[in-house]
N, C-alpha and C. Protein backbone atom coordinates (compact mmCIF):
# COMPACT_ATOMS: atom_id res chain seq x y z
N MET A 1 -101.10 362.75 63.93
CA MET A 1 -100.52 362.28 65.13
C MET A 1 -101.45 361.27 65.83
N LYS A 2 -102.75 361.56 65.76
CA LYS A 2 -103.65 360.64 66.43
C LYS A 2 -103.63 359.27 65.75
N TYR A 3 -103.27 359.21 64.48
CA TYR A 3 -103.16 357.91 63.81
C TYR A 3 -101.97 357.12 64.35
N TYR A 4 -100.93 357.87 64.75
CA TYR A 4 -99.78 357.19 65.34
C TYR A 4 -100.15 356.55 66.67
N TYR A 5 -100.96 357.26 67.46
CA TYR A 5 -101.40 356.70 68.75
C TYR A 5 -102.29 355.46 68.52
N LEU A 6 -103.16 355.58 67.54
CA LEU A 6 -104.04 354.45 67.22
C LEU A 6 -103.21 353.26 66.73
N PHE A 7 -102.24 353.54 65.91
CA PHE A 7 -101.36 352.49 65.40
C PHE A 7 -100.55 351.86 66.54
N ALA A 8 -100.07 352.67 67.46
CA ALA A 8 -99.29 352.18 68.60
C ALA A 8 -100.16 351.31 69.50
N VAL A 9 -101.42 351.70 69.72
CA VAL A 9 -102.33 350.91 70.55
C VAL A 9 -102.61 349.56 69.89
N LEU A 10 -102.87 349.57 68.59
CA LEU A 10 -103.11 348.32 67.87
C LEU A 10 -101.88 347.42 67.90
N LEU A 11 -100.71 348.02 67.79
CA LEU A 11 -99.47 347.26 67.85
C LEU A 11 -99.27 346.64 69.23
N CYS A 12 -99.60 347.34 70.27
CA CYS A 12 -99.50 346.81 71.64
C CYS A 12 -100.49 345.66 71.84
N VAL A 13 -101.70 345.82 71.33
CA VAL A 13 -102.71 344.76 71.45
C VAL A 13 -102.23 343.52 70.69
N ALA A 14 -101.66 343.71 69.52
CA ALA A 14 -101.18 342.57 68.73
C ALA A 14 -100.06 341.84 69.46
N PHE A 15 -99.10 342.58 70.03
CA PHE A 15 -98.00 341.93 70.74
C PHE A 15 -98.47 341.24 72.02
N SER A 16 -99.42 341.82 72.69
CA SER A 16 -99.88 341.23 73.95
C SER A 16 -100.74 339.99 73.71
N SER A 17 -101.41 339.89 72.55
CA SER A 17 -102.24 338.72 72.28
C SER A 17 -101.40 337.55 71.78
N CYS A 18 -100.20 337.75 71.32
CA CYS A 18 -99.31 336.68 70.85
C CYS A 18 -98.32 336.35 71.96
N ASP A 19 -98.81 335.69 73.01
CA ASP A 19 -97.94 335.40 74.14
C ASP A 19 -97.28 334.02 74.06
N GLY A 20 -97.41 333.31 72.93
CA GLY A 20 -96.74 332.03 72.73
C GLY A 20 -97.46 330.83 73.31
N ARG A 21 -98.69 331.00 73.74
CA ARG A 21 -99.44 329.85 74.26
C ARG A 21 -99.83 328.93 73.12
N LYS A 22 -100.10 327.66 73.47
CA LYS A 22 -100.50 326.67 72.48
C LYS A 22 -101.97 326.84 72.15
N SER A 23 -102.30 326.45 70.94
CA SER A 23 -103.71 326.49 70.55
C SER A 23 -104.43 325.30 71.21
N HIS A 24 -105.72 325.34 71.16
CA HIS A 24 -106.53 324.26 71.75
C HIS A 24 -106.23 322.93 71.06
N LYS A 25 -106.06 322.95 69.75
CA LYS A 25 -105.77 321.73 68.99
C LYS A 25 -104.42 321.15 69.40
N GLU A 26 -103.40 321.99 69.52
CA GLU A 26 -102.08 321.51 69.92
C GLU A 26 -102.10 320.92 71.32
N SER A 27 -102.81 321.55 72.23
CA SER A 27 -102.92 321.05 73.60
C SER A 27 -103.60 319.69 73.64
N LEU A 28 -104.66 319.54 72.85
CA LEU A 28 -105.38 318.28 72.81
C LEU A 28 -104.51 317.17 72.23
N GLU A 29 -103.80 317.44 71.14
CA GLU A 29 -102.92 316.44 70.54
C GLU A 29 -101.82 316.02 71.51
N GLU A 30 -101.27 316.97 72.24
CA GLU A 30 -100.23 316.66 73.22
C GLU A 30 -100.78 315.80 74.35
N SER A 31 -101.99 316.09 74.80
CA SER A 31 -102.61 315.30 75.87
C SER A 31 -102.87 313.87 75.42
N VAL A 32 -103.34 313.71 74.20
CA VAL A 32 -103.61 312.37 73.67
C VAL A 32 -102.31 311.58 73.56
N THR A 33 -101.25 312.20 73.08
CA THR A 33 -99.95 311.54 72.97
C THR A 33 -99.43 311.13 74.34
N GLU A 34 -99.53 312.00 75.32
CA GLU A 34 -99.09 311.67 76.68
C GLU A 34 -99.90 310.51 77.25
N PHE A 35 -101.20 310.50 76.99
CA PHE A 35 -102.05 309.42 77.49
C PHE A 35 -101.67 308.08 76.87
N LYS A 36 -101.47 308.07 75.54
CA LYS A 36 -101.09 306.84 74.86
C LYS A 36 -99.77 306.30 75.39
N ASP A 37 -98.82 307.20 75.65
CA ASP A 37 -97.52 306.78 76.16
C ASP A 37 -97.61 306.27 77.60
N SER A 38 -98.53 306.81 78.37
CA SER A 38 -98.61 306.45 79.79
C SER A 38 -99.28 305.10 80.03
N ILE A 39 -100.22 304.69 79.15
CA ILE A 39 -100.95 303.46 79.41
C ILE A 39 -100.19 302.22 78.94
N GLY A 40 -99.21 302.36 78.07
CA GLY A 40 -98.48 301.20 77.59
C GLY A 40 -99.31 300.41 76.58
N PRO A 41 -98.76 299.28 76.14
CA PRO A 41 -99.49 298.49 75.14
C PRO A 41 -100.68 297.75 75.75
N ILE A 42 -101.76 297.72 75.01
CA ILE A 42 -102.96 296.99 75.41
C ILE A 42 -103.07 295.77 74.50
N GLU A 43 -103.27 294.61 75.09
CA GLU A 43 -103.40 293.38 74.31
C GLU A 43 -104.84 292.87 74.37
N ASN A 44 -105.34 292.50 73.21
CA ASN A 44 -106.65 291.88 73.10
C ASN A 44 -106.41 290.45 72.63
N ILE A 45 -106.59 289.47 73.52
CA ILE A 45 -106.29 288.08 73.21
C ILE A 45 -107.60 287.31 73.05
N LYS A 46 -107.72 286.59 71.91
CA LYS A 46 -108.90 285.77 71.65
C LYS A 46 -108.46 284.40 71.15
N TYR A 47 -109.24 283.38 71.50
CA TYR A 47 -109.01 282.02 71.04
C TYR A 47 -110.18 281.59 70.18
N PHE A 48 -109.87 280.90 69.08
CA PHE A 48 -110.90 280.39 68.18
C PHE A 48 -110.68 278.90 67.99
N PRO A 49 -111.58 278.03 68.33
CA PRO A 49 -112.76 278.28 69.14
C PRO A 49 -112.37 278.50 70.60
N GLU A 50 -113.25 279.14 71.33
CA GLU A 50 -112.95 279.46 72.73
C GLU A 50 -112.94 278.21 73.60
N GLU A 51 -113.77 277.25 73.28
CA GLU A 51 -113.89 276.04 74.09
C GLU A 51 -113.65 274.81 73.22
N TYR A 52 -113.53 273.67 73.86
CA TYR A 52 -113.33 272.40 73.18
C TYR A 52 -114.52 272.13 72.26
N ALA A 53 -114.22 271.68 71.04
CA ALA A 53 -115.27 271.36 70.08
C ALA A 53 -114.99 269.96 69.51
N GLU A 54 -116.06 269.23 69.24
CA GLU A 54 -115.92 267.87 68.73
C GLU A 54 -117.09 267.55 67.82
N THR A 55 -116.79 266.88 66.71
CA THR A 55 -117.81 266.43 65.78
C THR A 55 -117.53 264.96 65.46
N VAL A 56 -118.55 264.13 65.54
CA VAL A 56 -118.40 262.71 65.23
C VAL A 56 -119.38 262.35 64.13
N THR A 57 -118.86 261.67 63.10
CA THR A 57 -119.69 261.20 61.99
C THR A 57 -119.45 259.70 61.83
N ASP A 58 -120.51 258.93 61.83
CA ASP A 58 -120.41 257.48 61.68
C ASP A 58 -121.17 257.12 60.41
N THR A 59 -120.48 256.50 59.45
CA THR A 59 -121.08 256.23 58.15
C THR A 59 -120.90 254.76 57.78
N ILE A 60 -121.95 254.15 57.25
CA ILE A 60 -121.85 252.80 56.71
C ILE A 60 -122.07 252.93 55.21
N LEU A 61 -121.08 252.51 54.43
CA LEU A 61 -121.16 252.61 52.97
C LEU A 61 -121.78 251.35 52.38
N SER A 62 -122.29 251.46 51.17
CA SER A 62 -122.96 250.34 50.52
C SER A 62 -122.00 249.21 50.16
N ASN A 63 -120.70 249.47 50.12
CA ASN A 63 -119.74 248.42 49.80
C ASN A 63 -119.23 247.70 51.06
N GLY A 64 -119.87 247.94 52.21
CA GLY A 64 -119.55 247.19 53.42
C GLY A 64 -118.61 247.88 54.39
N TYR A 65 -118.08 249.02 54.03
CA TYR A 65 -117.16 249.72 54.93
C TYR A 65 -117.95 250.52 55.97
N ARG A 66 -117.41 250.56 57.18
CA ARG A 66 -117.93 251.43 58.24
C ARG A 66 -116.84 252.44 58.55
N VAL A 67 -117.18 253.72 58.44
CA VAL A 67 -116.20 254.79 58.62
C VAL A 67 -116.67 255.68 59.76
N LYS A 68 -115.79 255.85 60.74
CA LYS A 68 -116.08 256.74 61.86
C LYS A 68 -115.06 257.87 61.82
N LEU A 69 -115.54 259.09 61.69
CA LEU A 69 -114.69 260.28 61.61
C LEU A 69 -114.99 261.18 62.80
N LYS A 70 -113.97 261.41 63.60
CA LYS A 70 -114.12 262.28 64.78
C LYS A 70 -113.13 263.43 64.62
N THR A 71 -113.65 264.65 64.59
CA THR A 71 -112.82 265.85 64.49
C THR A 71 -112.95 266.62 65.80
N TYR A 72 -111.80 266.97 66.39
CA TYR A 72 -111.84 267.65 67.68
C TYR A 72 -110.73 268.69 67.79
N THR A 73 -110.88 269.57 68.77
CA THR A 73 -109.95 270.67 68.99
C THR A 73 -108.75 270.19 69.78
N ASP A 74 -107.58 270.57 69.32
CA ASP A 74 -106.34 270.34 70.07
C ASP A 74 -106.14 271.58 70.95
N MET A 75 -106.41 271.44 72.22
CA MET A 75 -106.37 272.60 73.13
C MET A 75 -104.95 273.04 73.47
N GLU A 76 -103.94 272.26 73.10
CA GLU A 76 -102.56 272.59 73.44
C GLU A 76 -101.84 273.37 72.34
N ASN A 77 -102.22 273.17 71.09
CA ASN A 77 -101.51 273.78 69.96
C ASN A 77 -102.40 274.77 69.22
N SER A 78 -101.80 275.87 68.79
CA SER A 78 -102.57 276.89 68.07
C SER A 78 -101.64 277.67 67.14
N VAL A 79 -102.26 278.41 66.24
CA VAL A 79 -101.56 279.29 65.31
C VAL A 79 -101.92 280.72 65.69
N LEU A 80 -100.91 281.57 65.80
CA LEU A 80 -101.11 282.95 66.22
C LEU A 80 -101.19 283.87 65.02
N ASN A 81 -102.21 284.72 65.00
CA ASN A 81 -102.32 285.80 64.03
C ASN A 81 -102.32 287.09 64.84
N GLU A 82 -101.24 287.86 64.72
CA GLU A 82 -101.07 289.07 65.54
C GLU A 82 -101.06 290.30 64.65
N PHE A 83 -101.82 291.34 65.06
CA PHE A 83 -101.84 292.60 64.33
C PHE A 83 -102.13 293.73 65.29
N LYS A 84 -101.80 294.95 64.89
CA LYS A 84 -101.94 296.11 65.76
C LYS A 84 -102.87 297.12 65.11
N VAL A 85 -103.82 297.63 65.90
CA VAL A 85 -104.72 298.69 65.48
C VAL A 85 -104.62 299.79 66.53
N ASP A 86 -104.15 300.96 66.12
CA ASP A 86 -103.86 302.07 67.03
C ASP A 86 -102.88 301.59 68.10
N THR A 87 -103.27 301.63 69.37
CA THR A 87 -102.37 301.19 70.44
C THR A 87 -102.73 299.79 70.94
N ILE A 88 -103.68 299.15 70.30
CA ILE A 88 -104.13 297.83 70.75
C ILE A 88 -103.48 296.75 69.90
N VAL A 89 -102.83 295.80 70.57
CA VAL A 89 -102.24 294.65 69.90
C VAL A 89 -103.25 293.50 70.00
N HIS A 90 -103.73 293.05 68.85
CA HIS A 90 -104.70 291.95 68.80
C HIS A 90 -103.94 290.66 68.56
N LYS A 91 -104.20 289.68 69.42
CA LYS A 91 -103.61 288.35 69.26
C LYS A 91 -104.74 287.35 69.13
N HIS A 92 -104.87 286.78 67.94
CA HIS A 92 -105.90 285.77 67.69
C HIS A 92 -105.21 284.41 67.61
N TYR A 93 -105.55 283.55 68.53
CA TYR A 93 -105.01 282.19 68.55
C TYR A 93 -106.04 281.25 67.95
N TYR A 94 -105.67 280.59 66.86
CA TYR A 94 -106.55 279.63 66.20
C TYR A 94 -106.08 278.23 66.59
N ARG A 95 -106.92 277.51 67.31
CA ARG A 95 -106.54 276.19 67.79
C ARG A 95 -106.47 275.19 66.64
N GLU A 96 -105.52 274.28 66.77
CA GLU A 96 -105.36 273.20 65.79
C GLU A 96 -106.51 272.21 65.94
N PHE A 97 -106.78 271.46 64.87
CA PHE A 97 -107.77 270.40 64.90
C PHE A 97 -107.10 269.08 64.56
N ILE A 98 -107.67 268.01 65.09
CA ILE A 98 -107.21 266.66 64.81
C ILE A 98 -108.41 265.86 64.34
N ALA A 99 -108.20 265.04 63.30
CA ALA A 99 -109.26 264.16 62.81
C ALA A 99 -108.83 262.72 63.06
N SER A 100 -109.65 261.99 63.81
CA SER A 100 -109.40 260.57 64.05
C SER A 100 -110.29 259.78 63.11
N ILE A 101 -109.68 258.88 62.36
CA ILE A 101 -110.41 258.08 61.38
C ILE A 101 -110.29 256.61 61.75
N TYR A 102 -111.44 255.96 61.87
CA TYR A 102 -111.48 254.53 62.13
C TYR A 102 -112.28 253.90 61.00
N ILE A 103 -111.67 252.87 60.35
CA ILE A 103 -112.33 252.20 59.23
C ILE A 103 -112.33 250.70 59.50
N GLU A 104 -113.48 250.09 59.28
CA GLU A 104 -113.58 248.63 59.38
C GLU A 104 -114.47 248.12 58.26
N LYS A 105 -114.26 246.83 57.94
CA LYS A 105 -115.12 246.18 56.94
C LYS A 105 -115.45 244.79 57.48
N GLU A 106 -116.73 244.53 57.60
CA GLU A 106 -117.24 243.26 58.11
C GLU A 106 -116.62 242.92 59.47
N GLY A 107 -116.52 243.93 60.33
CA GLY A 107 -116.03 243.73 61.69
C GLY A 107 -114.52 243.68 61.82
N VAL A 108 -113.78 243.80 60.74
CA VAL A 108 -112.31 243.75 60.78
C VAL A 108 -111.77 245.17 60.61
N GLU A 109 -110.92 245.58 61.55
CA GLU A 109 -110.33 246.93 61.49
C GLU A 109 -109.34 247.01 60.33
N ILE A 110 -109.52 248.04 59.52
CA ILE A 110 -108.62 248.28 58.38
C ILE A 110 -107.64 249.39 58.70
N SER A 111 -108.13 250.44 59.32
CA SER A 111 -107.26 251.58 59.63
C SER A 111 -107.79 252.33 60.84
N ASN A 112 -106.86 252.84 61.63
CA ASN A 112 -107.19 253.68 62.77
C ASN A 112 -106.07 254.72 62.85
N LEU A 113 -106.31 255.91 62.34
CA LEU A 113 -105.24 256.90 62.29
C LEU A 113 -105.73 258.28 62.66
N ASN A 114 -104.79 259.11 63.07
CA ASN A 114 -105.07 260.51 63.38
C ASN A 114 -104.48 261.37 62.28
N ILE A 115 -105.28 262.30 61.79
CA ILE A 115 -104.81 263.23 60.77
C ILE A 115 -104.73 264.61 61.39
N ASP A 116 -103.55 265.18 61.33
CA ASP A 116 -103.32 266.55 61.77
C ASP A 116 -102.28 267.16 60.83
N LYS A 117 -101.83 268.33 61.16
CA LYS A 117 -100.86 269.01 60.29
C LYS A 117 -99.57 268.20 60.17
N ASP A 118 -99.12 267.60 61.26
CA ASP A 118 -97.90 266.79 61.23
C ASP A 118 -98.03 265.58 60.32
N PHE A 119 -99.21 264.96 60.30
CA PHE A 119 -99.46 263.83 59.41
C PHE A 119 -99.28 264.24 57.95
N ILE A 120 -99.80 265.41 57.60
CA ILE A 120 -99.70 265.87 56.22
C ILE A 120 -98.25 266.21 55.87
N ILE A 121 -97.54 266.87 56.77
CA ILE A 121 -96.13 267.19 56.52
C ILE A 121 -95.32 265.91 56.32
N LYS A 122 -95.61 264.90 57.12
CA LYS A 122 -94.87 263.64 57.04
C LYS A 122 -95.16 262.89 55.74
N ASN A 123 -96.40 262.94 55.26
CA ASN A 123 -96.80 262.15 54.10
C ASN A 123 -96.82 262.91 52.78
N ASP A 124 -96.67 264.21 52.80
CA ASP A 124 -96.68 265.01 51.57
C ASP A 124 -95.26 265.09 51.02
N GLU A 125 -95.08 264.62 49.80
CA GLU A 125 -93.76 264.63 49.18
C GLU A 125 -93.27 266.04 48.87
N SER A 126 -94.17 266.98 48.71
CA SER A 126 -93.79 268.36 48.40
C SER A 126 -93.80 269.24 49.64
N SER A 127 -93.66 268.64 50.83
CA SER A 127 -93.79 269.43 52.07
C SER A 127 -92.70 270.48 52.20
N ASP A 128 -91.52 270.27 51.60
CA ASP A 128 -90.47 271.30 51.67
C ASP A 128 -90.90 272.55 50.92
N PHE A 129 -91.64 272.37 49.83
CA PHE A 129 -92.12 273.49 49.03
C PHE A 129 -93.11 274.34 49.82
N TYR A 130 -93.93 273.69 50.64
CA TYR A 130 -94.98 274.38 51.40
C TYR A 130 -94.59 274.65 52.85
N LYS A 131 -93.31 274.55 53.18
CA LYS A 131 -92.87 274.66 54.58
C LYS A 131 -93.37 275.94 55.26
N SER A 132 -93.23 277.08 54.60
CA SER A 132 -93.69 278.33 55.22
C SER A 132 -95.22 278.37 55.33
N PHE A 133 -95.90 277.72 54.40
CA PHE A 133 -97.36 277.66 54.47
C PHE A 133 -97.81 276.86 55.69
N TYR A 134 -97.16 275.72 55.92
CA TYR A 134 -97.55 274.85 57.03
C TYR A 134 -97.41 275.51 58.39
N GLU A 135 -96.46 276.43 58.53
CA GLU A 135 -96.24 277.08 59.83
C GLU A 135 -97.49 277.83 60.31
N ASP A 136 -98.21 278.44 59.38
CA ASP A 136 -99.37 279.26 59.74
C ASP A 136 -100.71 278.62 59.39
N ALA A 137 -100.69 277.43 58.82
CA ALA A 137 -101.93 276.80 58.36
C ALA A 137 -102.54 275.92 59.44
N LEU A 138 -103.84 275.70 59.30
CA LEU A 138 -104.60 274.84 60.21
C LEU A 138 -105.31 273.77 59.41
N LEU A 139 -105.53 272.63 60.06
CA LEU A 139 -106.40 271.62 59.47
C LEU A 139 -107.80 272.21 59.50
N TYR A 140 -108.33 272.53 58.34
CA TYR A 140 -109.60 273.24 58.26
C TYR A 140 -110.78 272.28 58.23
N SER A 141 -110.67 271.25 57.39
CA SER A 141 -111.78 270.30 57.33
C SER A 141 -111.30 268.96 56.77
N VAL A 142 -112.02 267.92 57.16
CA VAL A 142 -111.80 266.56 56.65
C VAL A 142 -113.18 265.98 56.38
N TRP A 143 -113.38 265.49 55.16
CA TRP A 143 -114.68 264.89 54.89
C TRP A 143 -114.51 263.68 53.98
N LEU A 144 -115.44 262.77 54.10
CA LEU A 144 -115.45 261.53 53.35
C LEU A 144 -116.02 261.78 51.96
N SER A 145 -115.30 261.33 50.95
CA SER A 145 -115.80 261.40 49.58
C SER A 145 -116.61 260.13 49.35
N GLU A 146 -117.89 260.19 49.69
CA GLU A 146 -118.72 258.98 49.71
C GLU A 146 -118.84 258.32 48.34
N TYR A 147 -119.09 259.10 47.31
CA TYR A 147 -119.28 258.51 45.98
C TYR A 147 -118.02 257.78 45.53
N ASN A 148 -116.87 258.44 45.63
CA ASN A 148 -115.62 257.81 45.21
C ASN A 148 -115.27 256.60 46.07
N SER A 149 -115.69 256.60 47.32
CA SER A 149 -115.40 255.48 48.22
C SER A 149 -116.30 254.28 47.95
N THR A 150 -117.49 254.50 47.41
CA THR A 150 -118.41 253.38 47.16
C THR A 150 -118.15 252.70 45.82
N ILE A 151 -117.51 253.37 44.88
CA ILE A 151 -117.28 252.76 43.57
C ILE A 151 -115.91 252.07 43.49
N SER A 152 -115.17 252.06 44.59
CA SER A 152 -113.86 251.41 44.58
C SER A 152 -113.66 250.67 45.91
N ASP A 153 -112.58 249.94 46.00
CA ASP A 153 -112.28 249.21 47.23
C ASP A 153 -111.29 249.99 48.09
N LYS A 154 -111.51 251.28 48.18
CA LYS A 154 -110.67 252.15 49.01
C LYS A 154 -111.54 253.27 49.54
N ILE A 155 -111.11 253.85 50.65
CA ILE A 155 -111.84 254.95 51.27
C ILE A 155 -111.08 256.23 50.98
N ILE A 156 -111.80 257.24 50.52
CA ILE A 156 -111.17 258.49 50.11
C ILE A 156 -111.71 259.64 50.96
N PHE A 157 -110.77 260.39 51.54
CA PHE A 157 -111.09 261.59 52.31
C PHE A 157 -110.51 262.80 51.61
N ILE A 158 -111.18 263.92 51.75
CA ILE A 158 -110.66 265.19 51.26
C ILE A 158 -110.27 266.00 52.50
N ILE A 159 -109.05 266.52 52.48
CA ILE A 159 -108.52 267.29 53.60
C ILE A 159 -108.15 268.67 53.10
N SER A 160 -108.49 269.68 53.86
CA SER A 160 -108.07 271.03 53.48
C SER A 160 -107.31 271.67 54.64
N LEU A 161 -106.21 272.30 54.28
CA LEU A 161 -105.40 273.10 55.21
C LEU A 161 -105.53 274.54 54.77
N CYS A 162 -105.84 275.43 55.69
CA CYS A 162 -106.02 276.84 55.34
C CYS A 162 -105.32 277.73 56.35
N LYS A 163 -104.91 278.90 55.88
CA LYS A 163 -104.37 279.91 56.78
C LYS A 163 -105.54 280.69 57.37
N PRO A 164 -105.50 280.97 58.67
CA PRO A 164 -106.60 281.73 59.28
C PRO A 164 -106.73 283.13 58.69
N GLU A 165 -107.95 283.60 58.61
CA GLU A 165 -108.28 284.94 58.13
C GLU A 165 -107.74 285.20 56.72
N SER A 166 -107.76 284.14 55.89
CA SER A 166 -107.35 284.30 54.49
C SER A 166 -108.06 283.24 53.66
N ASP A 167 -107.91 283.33 52.36
CA ASP A 167 -108.47 282.33 51.44
C ASP A 167 -107.39 281.39 50.93
N ASP A 168 -106.23 281.40 51.56
CA ASP A 168 -105.09 280.60 51.13
C ASP A 168 -105.23 279.18 51.68
N CYS A 169 -105.53 278.22 50.80
CA CYS A 169 -105.77 276.83 51.21
C CYS A 169 -105.07 275.85 50.28
N ILE A 170 -104.78 274.68 50.82
CA ILE A 170 -104.28 273.55 50.03
C ILE A 170 -105.19 272.38 50.36
N MET A 171 -105.60 271.64 49.32
CA MET A 171 -106.48 270.49 49.54
C MET A 171 -105.75 269.21 49.13
N TYR A 172 -106.04 268.16 49.88
CA TYR A 172 -105.43 266.86 49.64
C TYR A 172 -106.51 265.79 49.54
N GLU A 173 -106.18 264.76 48.77
CA GLU A 173 -107.00 263.57 48.71
C GLU A 173 -106.22 262.49 49.46
N THR A 174 -106.82 261.95 50.51
CA THR A 174 -106.19 260.89 51.29
C THR A 174 -106.91 259.59 50.96
N ILE A 175 -106.15 258.65 50.42
CA ILE A 175 -106.71 257.36 50.03
C ILE A 175 -106.24 256.31 51.03
N ILE A 176 -107.19 255.60 51.61
CA ILE A 176 -106.87 254.50 52.52
C ILE A 176 -107.31 253.22 51.81
N HIS A 177 -106.34 252.40 51.45
CA HIS A 177 -106.61 251.16 50.71
C HIS A 177 -107.14 250.07 51.64
N TYR A 178 -107.70 249.02 51.05
CA TYR A 178 -108.30 247.93 51.83
C TYR A 178 -107.31 247.26 52.77
N ASP A 179 -105.99 247.36 52.48
CA ASP A 179 -104.98 246.76 53.35
C ASP A 179 -104.46 247.74 54.41
N GLY A 180 -105.02 248.95 54.46
CA GLY A 180 -104.63 249.95 55.46
C GLY A 180 -103.55 250.91 54.99
N LYS A 181 -103.02 250.71 53.80
CA LYS A 181 -101.99 251.60 53.26
C LYS A 181 -102.61 252.98 52.99
N VAL A 182 -101.86 254.04 53.36
CA VAL A 182 -102.36 255.41 53.21
C VAL A 182 -101.58 256.12 52.11
N GLU A 183 -102.31 256.82 51.26
CA GLU A 183 -101.71 257.57 50.16
C GLU A 183 -102.26 259.00 50.22
N LEU A 184 -101.37 259.99 50.09
CA LEU A 184 -101.77 261.39 50.17
C LEU A 184 -101.39 262.09 48.87
N ASN A 185 -102.37 262.72 48.22
CA ASN A 185 -102.13 263.42 46.96
C ASN A 185 -102.71 264.83 47.05
N GLU A 186 -101.93 265.80 46.57
CA GLU A 186 -102.44 267.17 46.53
C GLU A 186 -103.43 267.28 45.38
N LEU A 187 -104.53 267.96 45.64
CA LEU A 187 -105.55 268.16 44.61
C LEU A 187 -105.29 269.46 43.86
N GLU A 188 -105.29 269.38 42.57
CA GLU A 188 -105.15 270.58 41.74
C GLU A 188 -106.52 271.19 41.48
N GLU A 189 -107.50 270.34 41.27
CA GLU A 189 -108.88 270.79 41.06
C GLU A 189 -109.67 270.43 42.31
N TYR A 190 -110.33 271.44 42.87
CA TYR A 190 -111.05 271.23 44.12
C TYR A 190 -112.48 270.84 43.85
N TYR A 191 -113.06 270.11 44.77
CA TYR A 191 -114.46 269.68 44.66
C TYR A 191 -115.38 270.84 44.84
């Protein structure tokens, strides 16, 4: 009989300890969820570059050409790369660049043009094929191919367009002839 009393006491203790309360882990998870819902979305906005940037290169070639290349930030246009980590929405704005090219020979202006993404779309015959690429790509770099420009009567620039935060790039050879005519060719083999 005394075992029945002991069993009844243990049964009462068991029922009284299971009162349906939440565990510490469940309470913590619920609090975190409520907090995340109450604060709303958090945005982290960054611009690359943060401020205006400009680079000027002035070159005189051995064949008599003077080439001035000015690359600068277009503060009005940018490409957005948006992604979410936990409750934070990251928005990275990559500013467009413009390259101004001025070419003269013996004091006579041969060409004065601006190269940007629109210039490439306008002059690239395969621009329909790369349409989705151009939407997210930036003018990454423009440089003078000095050796190729000195052995011919034309000035050759290499242009690269790249998508931000990726290795996806397209390179072009821009040829400016002595009469100012511009020719744009996609490069299959990169320098």
